[in-house]
Amino acid sequence: MVDGLDIAIAPRPRRIVALLLVLATTMGAVACSDDDDSPGATANPGPDPDEVETSEVEIADLAFNPPAISVAAGNLVQWSNRDFLEDAAPDTSAVDTIAADGTTPVTGPAPATEHTVTADDGSFDSGPLTGDATFTFTFETPGTYAYHCSIHSSMTGTVTVT
């Protein structure tokens, strides 16, 4: 009391600043929460890992088969080089004897024509696929992706992502 008057003493500025910081931090944490179940919430975590599909493209006879494929965003496309040289049929049997001329026959997959799977826009590139090699790519963004073999320019294909 000062001269018979009730005067409230003003809070210290530090306390006000501290209180404002606590309130701002609490409000920020609530605003950034992932627990928004409101109808307007639009989180898109991608496909469920159990629902991811892999589509196959075979490389054979100097062509991509099928040449055009459609997949949902988040799914995979796998290209497999099956373009074996015509004069060397695959042989995966074990060799138990030496041939009459003293040489050991070659076993295992036959040599294959080397190919690449290269996006026209540069978004993916398998590098050289030799032998029985495969290349897999995950398509995340909807659109149409043209691709080609950088070794054989006549080999082209497209992936449409929805």
Protein backbone atom coordinates (compact mmCIF):
# COMPACT_ATOMS: atom_id res chain seq x y z
CA MET A 1 0.00 0.00 0.00
CA VAL A 2 1.21 3.39 -0.87
CA ASP A 3 -0.50 6.33 0.87
CA GLY A 4 -3.62 4.23 1.50
CA LEU A 5 -3.99 3.04 -2.09
CA ASP A 6 -3.91 -0.56 -3.21
CA ILE A 7 -1.38 -0.69 -6.05
CA ALA A 8 -0.58 -3.95 -7.70
CA ILE A 9 3.07 -4.45 -8.35
CA ALA A 10 3.74 -5.19 -12.03
CA PRO A 11 5.24 -8.59 -12.75
CA ARG A 12 8.84 -8.64 -13.73
CA PRO A 13 9.55 -8.58 -17.49
CA ARG A 14 11.57 -11.83 -17.26
CA ARG A 15 8.56 -13.72 -15.96
CA ILE A 16 6.40 -12.43 -18.80
CA VAL A 17 8.98 -13.40 -21.40
CA ALA A 18 9.37 -16.87 -19.85
CA LEU A 19 5.60 -17.36 -19.78
CA LEU A 20 5.31 -16.31 -23.43
CA LEU A 21 8.09 -18.73 -24.45
CA VAL A 22 6.37 -21.62 -22.68
CA LEU A 23 3.06 -20.79 -24.37
CA ALA A 24 4.67 -20.43 -27.81
CA THR A 25 6.52 -23.74 -27.46
CA THR A 26 3.38 -25.57 -26.36
CA MET A 27 1.31 -24.12 -29.21
CA GLY A 28 4.03 -24.99 -31.74
CA ALA A 29 4.17 -28.59 -30.56
CA VAL A 30 0.41 -28.95 -30.85
CA ALA A 31 0.37 -27.38 -34.33
CA CYS A 32 3.09 -29.76 -35.60
CA SER A 33 1.51 -32.90 -34.20
CA ASP A 34 1.02 -35.86 -36.62
CA ASP A 35 -2.16 -36.91 -34.86
CA ASP A 36 -4.47 -34.90 -37.13
CA ASP A 37 -7.47 -37.07 -37.88
CA SER A 38 -9.49 -34.22 -39.29
CA PRO A 39 -11.21 -34.74 -42.67
CA GLY A 40 -8.88 -32.22 -44.32
CA ALA A 41 -5.67 -34.03 -43.36
CA THR A 42 -3.75 -35.15 -46.45
CA ALA A 43 -0.84 -37.36 -45.48
CA ASN A 44 0.38 -39.62 -48.30
CA PRO A 45 2.94 -42.10 -46.96
CA GLY A 46 2.90 -44.11 -50.23
CA PRO A 47 1.72 -47.65 -50.74
CA ASP A 48 1.68 -50.12 -47.90
CA PRO A 49 4.89 -52.22 -48.16
CA ASP A 50 2.70 -55.34 -48.40
CA GLU A 51 0.91 -53.82 -51.41
CA VAL A 52 3.97 -52.79 -53.47
CA GLU A 53 3.96 -54.61 -56.79
CA THR A 54 6.78 -55.41 -59.18
CA SER A 55 6.05 -55.35 -62.92
CA GLU A 56 8.37 -57.25 -65.24
CA VAL A 57 9.88 -56.16 -68.55
CA GLU A 58 11.92 -58.74 -70.47
CA ILE A 59 14.80 -57.71 -72.69
CA ALA A 60 15.01 -60.19 -75.59
CA ASP A 61 15.46 -60.16 -79.37
CA LEU A 62 16.74 -56.56 -79.20
CA ALA A 63 13.46 -55.30 -77.72
CA PHE A 64 11.76 -54.44 -74.43
CA ASN A 65 8.74 -56.68 -73.90
CA PRO A 66 6.26 -55.24 -73.21
CA PRO A 67 7.44 -51.95 -74.74
CA ALA A 68 4.84 -49.94 -72.75
CA ILE A 69 3.80 -50.61 -69.15
CA SER A 70 1.61 -48.84 -66.57
CA VAL A 71 2.20 -48.93 -62.81
CA ALA A 72 0.83 -47.15 -59.75
CA ALA A 73 3.09 -44.63 -58.01
CA GLY A 74 5.34 -46.29 -55.44
CA ASN A 75 5.59 -49.57 -57.36
CA LEU A 76 8.58 -51.19 -59.03
CA VAL A 77 9.54 -52.16 -62.56
CA GLN A 78 12.17 -54.84 -63.06
CA TRP A 79 13.94 -55.31 -66.40
CA SER A 80 15.65 -58.68 -67.02
CA ASN A 81 18.21 -59.27 -69.75
CA ARG A 82 17.15 -62.46 -71.53
CA ASP A 83 18.79 -61.61 -74.84
CA PHE A 84 21.13 -64.59 -75.03
CA LEU A 85 23.38 -64.99 -78.04
CA GLU A 86 21.76 -67.36 -80.55
CA ASP A 87 24.83 -69.57 -80.96
CA ALA A 88 25.21 -70.24 -77.23
CA ALA A 89 22.23 -71.93 -75.60
CA PRO A 90 22.17 -71.72 -71.79
CA ASP A 91 23.64 -74.75 -70.05
CA THR A 92 23.40 -74.94 -66.28
CA SER A 93 24.41 -78.60 -65.94
CA ALA A 94 27.50 -79.51 -63.94
CA VAL A 95 30.61 -80.66 -65.77
CA ASP A 96 31.90 -84.01 -64.51
CA THR A 97 34.19 -84.99 -67.35
CA ILE A 98 36.75 -83.41 -69.61
CA ALA A 99 35.90 -83.27 -73.31
CA ALA A 100 37.76 -85.52 -75.78
CA ASP A 101 39.91 -82.63 -76.98
CA GLY A 102 41.09 -81.97 -73.40
CA THR A 103 39.05 -78.82 -72.85
CA THR A 104 36.42 -78.31 -70.20
CA PRO A 105 33.06 -77.20 -71.64
CA VAL A 106 31.69 -73.88 -70.44
CA THR A 107 28.72 -74.17 -68.12
CA GLY A 108 26.28 -71.67 -66.72
CA PRO A 109 24.14 -69.08 -68.46
CA ALA A 110 25.03 -68.36 -72.07
CA PRO A 111 26.57 -65.03 -72.92
CA ALA A 112 23.96 -62.34 -73.44
CA THR A 113 23.85 -59.26 -75.58
CA GLU A 114 24.66 -56.27 -73.37
CA HIS A 115 21.90 -53.68 -72.91
CA THR A 116 21.02 -50.66 -70.77
CA VAL A 117 17.74 -49.27 -69.45
CA THR A 118 18.23 -45.50 -69.64
CA ALA A 119 15.55 -42.86 -69.04
CA ASP A 120 15.35 -40.22 -71.76
CA ASP A 121 15.19 -37.55 -69.02
CA GLY A 122 18.12 -39.08 -67.07
CA SER A 123 16.00 -40.03 -64.03
CA PHE A 124 17.30 -43.63 -64.06
CA ASP A 125 20.05 -45.64 -65.75
CA SER A 126 20.85 -49.30 -65.23
CA GLY A 127 24.36 -49.16 -66.59
CA PRO A 128 25.40 -52.18 -68.68
CA LEU A 129 23.25 -55.28 -68.11
CA THR A 130 25.37 -58.27 -69.05
CA GLY A 131 24.62 -61.96 -68.74
CA ASP A 132 21.37 -62.69 -66.94
CA ALA A 133 21.34 -59.32 -65.11
CA THR A 134 18.31 -57.42 -63.84
CA PHE A 135 17.62 -53.78 -63.02
CA THR A 136 14.82 -52.58 -60.72
CA PHE A 137 13.55 -49.03 -60.29
CA THR A 138 10.85 -47.60 -57.99
CA PHE A 139 8.58 -45.07 -59.69
CA GLU A 140 7.41 -42.53 -57.08
CA THR A 141 6.07 -39.67 -59.20
CA PRO A 142 3.14 -39.93 -61.65
CA GLY A 143 3.97 -39.22 -65.29
CA THR A 144 5.20 -40.91 -68.45
CA TYR A 145 8.82 -42.01 -68.55
CA ALA A 146 10.36 -42.79 -71.94
CA TYR A 147 13.47 -44.96 -71.91
CA HIS A 148 15.89 -46.60 -74.33
CA CYS A 149 18.93 -48.85 -74.60
CA SER A 150 21.96 -46.59 -74.97
CA ILE A 151 23.76 -49.36 -76.89
CA HIS A 152 20.92 -50.18 -79.34
CA SER A 153 19.07 -46.95 -80.23
CA SER A 154 16.16 -48.83 -81.83
CA MET A 155 15.20 -50.29 -78.44
CA THR A 156 12.69 -47.97 -76.72
CA GLY A 157 9.91 -48.23 -74.15
CA THR A 158 7.69 -46.23 -71.82
CA VAL A 159 6.51 -46.51 -68.24
CA THR A 160 3.30 -44.67 -67.34
CA VAL A 161 2.96 -43.99 -63.61
CA THR A 162 -0.52 -43.22 -62.24
